[in-house]
Amino acid sequence: MSLKCGIVGLPNVGKSTLFNCVSSGKAQSANFPFCTIEPNLGSTNVPDRRLEVLTDICHPQRTIPATVDIVDIAGLVKGASRGEGLGNQFLANIRECDAILHVLRCFDDGNVVHVDGSVDPVRDKEVVDTELQIKDLETVESRLAKCVKAAQAGDKESKKLAELLTRYKAALEQGKSCRSVKLLNEDEERLSHDMFLLTNKPVLYVCNVDDASAAAGNAYVDAVREAVKDEDAGILIISARTESEIAEMEDYDDRQMFLEEMGLEESGVVRLIQSAYALLGLRTFFTAGADECRAWTIHAGDKAPKAAGVIHTDFEKGFIRAEVIKYEDFVQYKTEAAVRAAGKMGVEGKDYVVQDGDIMHFLFNV
């Protein structure tokens, strides 16, 4: 898929610690600003209980999970849009990402320095938002001037783009992100996607809390929740220090016992990875058999031929039809033959929109 989630935020809020917990890559983590300079890229498996169940049923020779790419990006400071700190590099790196995991420090610890001298996650959020908005405003104003001239000359596509850019400009001037602008039709969705604006990327706010607040949050989290209530964004509570300790445990039972003591049902890293996958608009279908159980990644809304092409391009080129089993039916009947005998096997054509969790078999001819 080659889609990436970027971990962003001010320096020293826990970005690299979280990256080390979720990723196969290992970022340097230390108690001073700009510890991360070059972006770190890692790929991590997406935890999926459904794949575990399919493996238990089919006993395959191998099991292959879906993956998601995570990027740890250098910390941003006030003035980044003018090149302060590592601003230009930060903005260039985030532009290459498809979604944002915005880490906010929501814990007190005198031993961990804060770049602004005090803990205030809402202020920190606004610093990052403002810098991204300033950069987007520069981009929008530059493109708008060109589009207006082309629209006046009769170019219909430029007229559509100019109308959208005008709304983006108004939002940015009000201190709002581009993602707050409602898109009116498919043309605007296409135009918006092609602009790669920083504040148009989907975002998840990751509240990095102390150990005691990992289960229920704290006053800092409440303040963040209030600040983002009008945004199309989610919030995830996680303790990077706790997750780092869990990551060091090799025994599964020890990890589960630790989580229970913390009042947690599952690791925050599991929730973070799953949230990143969903934030990118990704969905999963499965192939299941004695040779292999595998989770395949597609975009939400992809049709059957597109899904077939994820396995092999020839499958998409020569697509005939797809045999589809719903996950719940496979779990109930245990084998493809039993599903077929029960009349639960679906036969779908080129217009079938693949659903998350579908178990699929493709027929093709090339």
Protein backbone atom coordinates (compact mmCIF):
# COMPACT_ATOMS: atom_id res chain seq x y z
CA MET A 1 0.00 0.00 0.00
CA SER A 2 2.98 2.29 0.78
CA LEU A 3 0.83 4.53 3.00
CA LYS A 4 2.51 6.04 6.06
CA CYS A 5 1.40 7.47 9.40
CA GLY A 6 3.68 10.20 10.74
CA ILE A 7 4.23 10.58 14.49
CA VAL A 8 4.48 14.34 15.09
CA GLY A 9 4.52 16.78 17.99
CA LEU A 10 6.78 19.15 19.89
CA PRO A 11 10.25 17.94 20.89
CA ASN A 12 10.48 15.61 23.87
CA VAL A 13 6.82 14.60 24.20
CA GLY A 14 7.42 10.86 23.77
CA LYS A 15 7.28 10.41 19.99
CA SER A 16 10.41 8.29 19.66
CA THR A 17 9.56 6.22 22.75
CA LEU A 18 6.20 5.34 21.18
CA PHE A 19 7.84 4.69 17.82
CA ASN A 20 10.22 2.21 19.44
CA CYS A 21 7.26 0.43 21.03
CA VAL A 22 5.18 0.08 17.87
CA SER A 23 7.78 -0.31 15.18
CA SER A 24 10.38 -2.74 14.00
CA GLY A 25 12.60 0.33 13.57
CA LYS A 26 14.47 1.70 16.58
CA ALA A 27 14.64 5.46 17.11
CA GLN A 28 16.98 7.15 19.55
CA SER A 29 15.07 8.26 22.64
CA ALA A 30 16.56 10.76 25.08
CA ASN A 31 15.70 13.64 27.40
CA PHE A 32 16.65 16.59 25.20
CA PRO A 33 14.99 18.46 22.31
CA PHE A 34 15.66 17.42 18.70
CA CYS A 35 16.87 13.98 19.69
CA THR A 36 15.29 12.82 16.42
CA ILE A 37 16.70 14.65 13.38
CA GLU A 38 16.32 12.30 10.43
CA PRO A 39 12.86 10.67 10.17
CA ASN A 40 12.80 7.05 11.28
CA LEU A 41 10.67 4.64 9.25
CA GLY A 42 9.45 1.34 10.60
CA SER A 43 6.91 -1.26 9.57
CA THR A 44 4.83 -3.05 12.17
CA ASN A 45 2.32 -5.89 12.10
CA VAL A 46 -1.34 -4.98 12.60
CA PRO A 47 -2.76 -7.04 15.51
CA ASP A 48 -5.95 -8.76 14.35
CA ARG A 49 -7.73 -11.32 16.46
CA ARG A 50 -9.59 -12.57 13.39
CA LEU A 51 -6.36 -13.77 11.79
CA GLU A 52 -5.50 -15.66 14.98
CA VAL A 53 -8.90 -17.39 14.88
CA LEU A 54 -8.48 -18.34 11.21
CA THR A 55 -5.05 -19.75 12.00
CA ASP A 56 -6.49 -21.87 14.82
CA ILE A 57 -9.12 -23.25 12.42
CA CYS A 58 -6.95 -23.88 9.34
CA HIS A 59 -3.60 -24.81 10.97
CA PRO A 60 -1.68 -23.32 8.01
CA GLN A 61 2.03 -23.69 7.33
CA ARG A 62 2.41 -19.91 7.74
CA THR A 63 0.40 -16.91 8.89
CA ILE A 64 1.05 -13.45 7.46
CA PRO A 65 -0.51 -10.37 9.10
CA ALA A 66 -1.19 -6.98 7.55
CA THR A 67 1.41 -4.26 8.18
CA VAL A 68 1.41 -0.49 8.53
CA ASP A 69 4.30 1.96 8.11
CA ILE A 70 5.02 4.43 10.93
CA VAL A 71 7.37 7.43 10.61
CA ASP A 72 8.96 9.18 13.60
CA ILE A 73 9.45 12.81 12.54
CA ALA A 74 11.68 15.44 14.15
CA GLY A 75 10.00 17.65 16.76
CA LEU A 76 8.49 20.94 15.65
CA VAL A 77 8.81 24.30 17.44
CA LYS A 78 7.13 27.69 17.12
CA GLY A 79 8.35 29.38 13.94
CA ALA A 80 8.80 26.13 12.00
CA SER A 81 6.92 27.59 9.03
CA ARG A 82 9.71 30.20 8.83
CA GLY A 83 12.42 27.56 9.14
CA GLU A 84 12.98 27.74 12.93
CA GLY A 85 14.47 24.64 14.56
CA LEU A 86 14.13 21.80 12.09
CA GLY A 87 10.96 23.34 10.67
CA ASN A 88 11.56 23.03 6.96
CA GLN A 89 12.64 19.42 7.32
CA PHE A 90 9.69 18.65 9.62
CA LEU A 91 7.16 20.11 7.20
CA ALA A 92 8.68 18.32 4.21
CA ASN A 93 8.60 14.99 6.07
CA ILE A 94 5.02 15.36 7.22
CA ARG A 95 3.91 16.26 3.71
CA GLU A 96 5.10 12.82 2.60
CA CYS A 97 2.87 11.09 5.18
CA ASP A 98 -0.78 10.18 4.60
CA ALA A 99 -2.04 10.61 8.16
CA ILE A 100 -0.87 12.13 11.43
CA LEU A 101 -0.45 10.70 14.91
CA HIS A 102 -0.11 13.90 16.95
CA VAL A 103 1.52 13.10 20.30
CA LEU A 104 0.70 15.47 23.18
CA ARG A 105 2.45 15.44 26.53
CA CYS A 106 -0.20 14.95 29.21
CA PHE A 107 1.95 14.15 32.25
CA ASP A 108 4.00 16.03 34.85
CA ASP A 109 7.62 15.02 35.40
CA GLY A 110 10.28 17.47 36.51
CA ASN A 111 12.97 15.14 35.21
CA VAL A 112 11.71 15.39 31.62
CA VAL A 113 12.28 18.84 30.15
CA HIS A 114 9.60 20.58 28.08
CA VAL A 115 10.69 22.82 25.24
CA ASP A 116 8.36 25.60 26.48
CA GLY A 117 9.09 25.10 30.17
CA SER A 118 5.64 23.89 31.29
CA VAL A 119 3.07 21.20 30.50
CA ASP A 120 0.08 22.40 28.47
CA PRO A 121 -1.07 19.95 25.78
CA VAL A 122 -3.68 22.33 24.33
CA ARG A 123 -1.04 25.03 23.85
CA ASP A 124 1.30 22.45 22.33
CA LYS A 125 -1.42 21.32 19.93
CA GLU A 126 -2.07 24.91 18.87
CA VAL A 127 1.64 25.51 18.23
CA VAL A 128 1.80 22.59 15.79
CA ASP A 129 -1.58 23.44 14.23
CA THR A 130 -0.58 27.07 13.69
CA GLU A 131 2.68 26.22 11.96
CA LEU A 132 0.96 23.75 9.65
CA GLN A 133 -1.82 26.25 8.93
CA ILE A 134 0.65 29.02 8.09
CA LYS A 135 2.43 26.76 5.63
CA ASP A 136 -0.86 25.64 4.07
CA LEU A 137 -2.00 29.25 3.75
CA GLU A 138 1.14 30.03 1.75
CA THR A 139 0.42 27.08 -0.53
CA VAL A 140 -3.28 27.93 -0.92
CA GLU A 141 -2.68 31.62 -1.69
CA SER A 142 -0.04 30.77 -4.28
CA ARG A 143 -2.27 28.26 -6.07
CA LEU A 144 -5.36 30.45 -5.78
CA ALA A 145 -3.75 33.34 -7.62
CA LYS A 146 -2.91 31.06 -10.56
CA CYS A 147 -6.33 29.37 -10.55
CA VAL A 148 -8.24 32.66 -10.60
CA LYS A 149 -6.42 33.75 -13.76
CA ALA A 150 -7.06 30.41 -15.45
CA ALA A 151 -10.72 30.45 -14.34
CA GLN A 152 -11.19 33.93 -15.78
CA ALA A 153 -9.82 32.59 -19.05
CA GLY A 154 -12.60 29.99 -19.09
CA ASP A 155 -10.91 26.91 -17.62
CA LYS A 156 -13.72 25.01 -15.82
CA GLU A 157 -11.40 22.82 -13.73
CA SER A 158 -9.57 25.90 -12.47
CA LYS A 159 -12.89 27.48 -11.52
CA LYS A 160 -13.79 24.47 -9.37
CA LEU A 161 -10.37 24.50 -7.76
CA ALA A 162 -10.51 28.25 -7.13
CA GLU A 163 -13.83 27.88 -5.32
CA LEU A 164 -12.38 25.18 -3.04
CA LEU A 165 -9.16 27.09 -2.44
CA THR A 166 -11.18 30.18 -1.48
CA ARG A 167 -12.95 28.19 1.23
CA TYR A 168 -9.67 26.74 2.42
CA LYS A 169 -8.16 30.22 2.60
CA ALA A 170 -11.07 31.50 4.70
CA ALA A 171 -10.75 28.59 7.14
CA LEU A 172 -6.99 28.95 7.51
CA GLU A 173 -7.27 32.70 8.12
CA GLN A 174 -9.69 31.88 10.97
CA GLY A 175 -7.13 29.55 12.55
CA LYS A 176 -8.93 26.40 11.38
CA SER A 177 -7.42 23.42 9.60
CA CYS A 178 -8.36 22.50 6.04
CA ARG A 179 -9.92 19.25 7.25
CA SER A 180 -12.67 21.39 8.84
CA VAL A 181 -13.88 22.47 5.37
CA LYS A 182 -16.77 20.32 4.16
CA LEU A 183 -16.28 18.92 0.67
CA LEU A 184 -19.42 19.24 -1.45
CA ASN A 185 -18.94 16.55 -4.10
CA GLU A 186 -16.60 13.94 -5.60
CA ASP A 187 -14.82 16.57 -7.73
CA GLU A 188 -13.87 18.51 -4.61
CA GLU A 189 -12.72 15.31 -2.90
CA ARG A 190 -10.45 14.58 -5.85
CA LEU A 191 -9.11 18.13 -6.01
CA SER A 192 -8.54 18.20 -2.27
CA HIS A 193 -6.64 14.92 -2.32
CA ASP A 194 -4.34 16.16 -5.07
CA MET A 195 -3.30 19.27 -3.08
CA PHE A 196 -1.51 17.34 -0.30
CA LEU A 197 -2.22 20.07 2.25
CA LEU A 198 -0.71 19.48 5.68
CA THR A 199 -3.85 20.31 7.67
CA ASN A 200 -6.06 18.20 5.42
CA LYS A 201 -4.51 14.94 6.57
CA PRO A 202 -6.54 12.77 8.96
CA VAL A 203 -5.27 13.10 12.53
CA LEU A 204 -5.40 11.12 15.76
CA TYR A 205 -4.39 12.91 18.97
CA VAL A 206 -2.29 10.60 21.13
CA CYS A 207 -2.30 11.72 24.78
CA ASN A 208 0.89 10.49 26.41
CA VAL A 209 0.03 10.16 30.12
CA ASP A 210 1.69 8.92 33.31
CA ASP A 211 1.25 5.32 34.45
CA ALA A 212 -1.57 6.13 36.85
CA SER A 213 -3.63 7.79 34.09
CA ALA A 214 -3.21 5.09 31.44
CA ALA A 215 -6.64 3.58 32.03
CA ALA A 216 -8.87 6.64 32.53
CA GLY A 217 -6.86 9.70 31.53
CA ASN A 218 -6.46 12.90 33.56
CA ALA A 219 -7.22 16.62 33.56
CA TYR A 220 -4.79 17.22 30.70
CA VAL A 221 -6.63 14.66 28.57
CA ASP A 222 -9.95 16.28 29.45
CA ALA A 223 -8.60 19.63 28.24
CA VAL A 224 -7.48 18.09 24.94
CA ARG A 225 -10.84 16.39 24.50
CA GLU A 226 -12.60 19.74 24.94
CA ALA A 227 -10.20 21.49 22.55
CA VAL A 228 -10.77 19.01 19.69
CA LYS A 229 -14.49 18.36 20.16
CA ASP A 230 -15.37 20.21 16.94
CA GLU A 231 -12.67 18.50 14.86
CA ASP A 232 -13.06 15.34 12.84
CA ALA A 233 -10.39 13.62 14.93
CA GLY A 234 -10.04 10.93 17.56
CA ILE A 235 -8.17 10.74 20.87
CA LEU A 236 -6.11 7.83 22.16
CA ILE A 237 -4.78 7.66 25.73
CA ILE A 238 -1.48 5.87 26.14
CA SER A 239 1.47 5.80 28.53
CA ALA A 240 4.68 5.63 26.49
CA ARG A 241 6.67 4.67 29.58
CA THR A 242 4.28 1.83 30.40
CA GLU A 243 4.32 0.61 26.81
CA SER A 244 8.11 0.69 26.83
CA GLU A 245 8.13 -1.58 29.88
CA ILE A 246 5.63 -3.95 28.26
CA ALA A 247 7.73 -4.09 25.10
CA GLU A 248 10.69 -5.36 27.14
CA MET A 249 8.67 -8.34 28.45
CA GLU A 250 9.15 -11.47 26.38
CA ASP A 251 6.63 -13.68 28.18
CA TYR A 252 2.99 -13.28 27.09
CA ASP A 253 1.58 -14.16 30.52
CA ASP A 254 3.82 -11.57 32.19
CA ARG A 255 2.56 -8.91 29.79
CA GLN A 256 -1.06 -9.83 30.43
CA MET A 257 -0.55 -9.79 34.20
CA PHE A 258 1.10 -6.37 33.95
CA LEU A 259 -1.82 -5.02 31.88
CA GLU A 260 -4.32 -6.35 34.41
CA GLU A 261 -2.45 -4.65 37.24
CA MET A 262 -2.63 -1.40 35.26
CA GLY A 263 -6.39 -1.83 34.74
CA LEU A 264 -5.96 -2.27 30.96
CA GLU A 265 -7.61 -4.89 28.76
CA GLU A 266 -4.98 -4.62 26.03
CA SER A 267 -1.76 -2.81 25.28
CA GLY A 268 -2.02 0.79 24.17
CA VAL A 269 0.38 -0.07 21.36
CA VAL A 270 -2.17 -2.53 19.96
CA ARG A 271 -4.81 0.20 19.96
CA LEU A 272 -2.37 2.70 18.45
CA ILE A 273 -1.41 0.41 15.57
CA GLN A 274 -5.03 -0.48 14.85
CA SER A 275 -5.97 3.21 14.99
CA ALA A 276 -3.18 4.12 12.58
CA TYR A 277 -4.39 1.46 10.14
CA ALA A 278 -7.96 2.76 10.30
CA LEU A 279 -6.79 6.40 10.11
CA LEU A 280 -5.17 5.64 6.77
CA GLY A 281 -8.52 4.38 5.49
CA LEU A 282 -7.26 0.81 5.22
CA ARG A 283 -9.32 -2.37 5.46
CA THR A 284 -8.49 -6.08 5.55
CA PHE A 285 -9.62 -9.12 3.62
CA PHE A 286 -8.30 -12.63 4.19
CA THR A 287 -7.25 -15.71 2.32
CA ALA A 288 -7.38 -18.85 4.44
CA GLY A 289 -6.22 -22.40 3.79
CA ALA A 290 -3.83 -25.17 4.77
CA ASP A 291 -0.87 -23.48 3.09
CA GLU A 292 -1.39 -19.97 4.35
CA CYS A 293 -3.67 -17.66 6.31
CA ARG A 294 -3.03 -14.09 5.29
CA ALA A 295 -4.41 -10.62 5.91
CA TRP A 296 -4.40 -8.43 2.78
CA THR A 297 -4.63 -4.65 2.89
CA ILE A 298 -6.99 -2.60 0.69
CA HIS A 299 -8.54 0.85 0.79
CA ALA A 300 -12.04 1.28 2.15
CA GLY A 301 -14.41 1.12 -0.82
CA ASP A 302 -12.16 -0.96 -3.08
CA LYS A 303 -13.98 -3.35 -5.39
CA ALA A 304 -13.23 -7.03 -5.94
CA PRO A 305 -10.87 -6.67 -8.97
CA LYS A 306 -8.78 -4.10 -7.07
CA ALA A 307 -8.54 -6.46 -4.10
CA ALA A 308 -7.52 -9.29 -6.43
CA GLY A 309 -4.74 -7.08 -7.79
CA VAL A 310 -3.26 -6.75 -4.31
CA ILE A 311 -2.45 -10.46 -4.46
CA HIS A 312 -1.19 -10.37 -8.06
CA THR A 313 -1.66 -7.94 -10.95
CA ASP A 314 -2.74 -10.84 -13.20
CA PHE A 315 -5.67 -11.50 -10.86
CA GLU A 316 -6.98 -8.01 -11.50
CA LYS A 317 -6.33 -8.04 -15.25
CA GLY A 318 -8.08 -11.36 -15.78
CA PHE A 319 -10.69 -11.08 -13.04
CA ILE A 320 -13.77 -13.26 -13.61
CA ARG A 321 -15.46 -13.42 -10.24
CA ALA A 322 -14.82 -13.66 -6.52
CA GLU A 323 -16.05 -16.29 -4.09
CA VAL A 324 -16.72 -14.57 -0.78
CA ILE A 325 -17.20 -16.02 2.69
CA LYS A 326 -18.13 -13.80 5.59
CA TYR A 327 -15.77 -14.17 8.53
CA GLU A 328 -18.55 -15.12 10.94
CA ASP A 329 -19.75 -17.88 8.59
CA PHE A 330 -16.26 -19.36 8.24
CA VAL A 331 -15.84 -19.37 12.02
CA GLN A 332 -19.18 -21.16 12.37
CA TYR A 333 -18.73 -23.81 9.64
CA LYS A 334 -14.92 -24.19 9.85
CA THR A 335 -14.28 -25.24 6.22
CA GLU A 336 -14.96 -23.82 2.76
CA ALA A 337 -16.81 -27.00 1.82
CA ALA A 338 -19.13 -26.73 4.82
CA VAL A 339 -19.78 -23.05 4.07
CA ARG A 340 -20.64 -23.91 0.48
CA ALA A 341 -22.93 -26.76 1.55
CA ALA A 342 -24.77 -24.37 3.89
CA GLY A 343 -25.38 -21.95 1.01
CA LYS A 344 -23.25 -19.25 2.63
CA MET A 345 -20.73 -18.88 -0.20
CA GLY A 346 -21.26 -15.61 -2.10
CA VAL A 347 -20.33 -15.27 -5.78
CA GLU A 348 -19.55 -11.66 -6.62
CA GLY A 349 -18.64 -9.75 -9.78
CA LYS A 350 -16.58 -6.69 -10.67
CA ASP A 351 -18.81 -4.21 -8.85
CA TYR A 352 -18.66 -5.92 -5.46
CA VAL A 353 -17.27 -3.61 -2.77
CA VAL A 354 -15.05 -5.73 -0.53
CA GLN A 355 -16.05 -5.62 3.13
CA ASP A 356 -13.63 -5.61 6.03
CA GLY A 357 -13.11 -9.21 7.15
CA ASP A 358 -14.22 -10.91 3.92
CA ILE A 359 -12.52 -14.23 3.16
CA MET A 360 -11.99 -14.34 -0.58
CA HIS A 361 -11.02 -16.64 -3.42
CA PHE A 362 -10.56 -15.16 -6.91
CA LEU A 363 -11.18 -16.77 -10.28
CA PHE A 364 -9.28 -15.23 -13.18
CA ASN A 365 -8.08 -15.89 -16.70
CA VAL A 366 -5.14 -14.27 -18.50
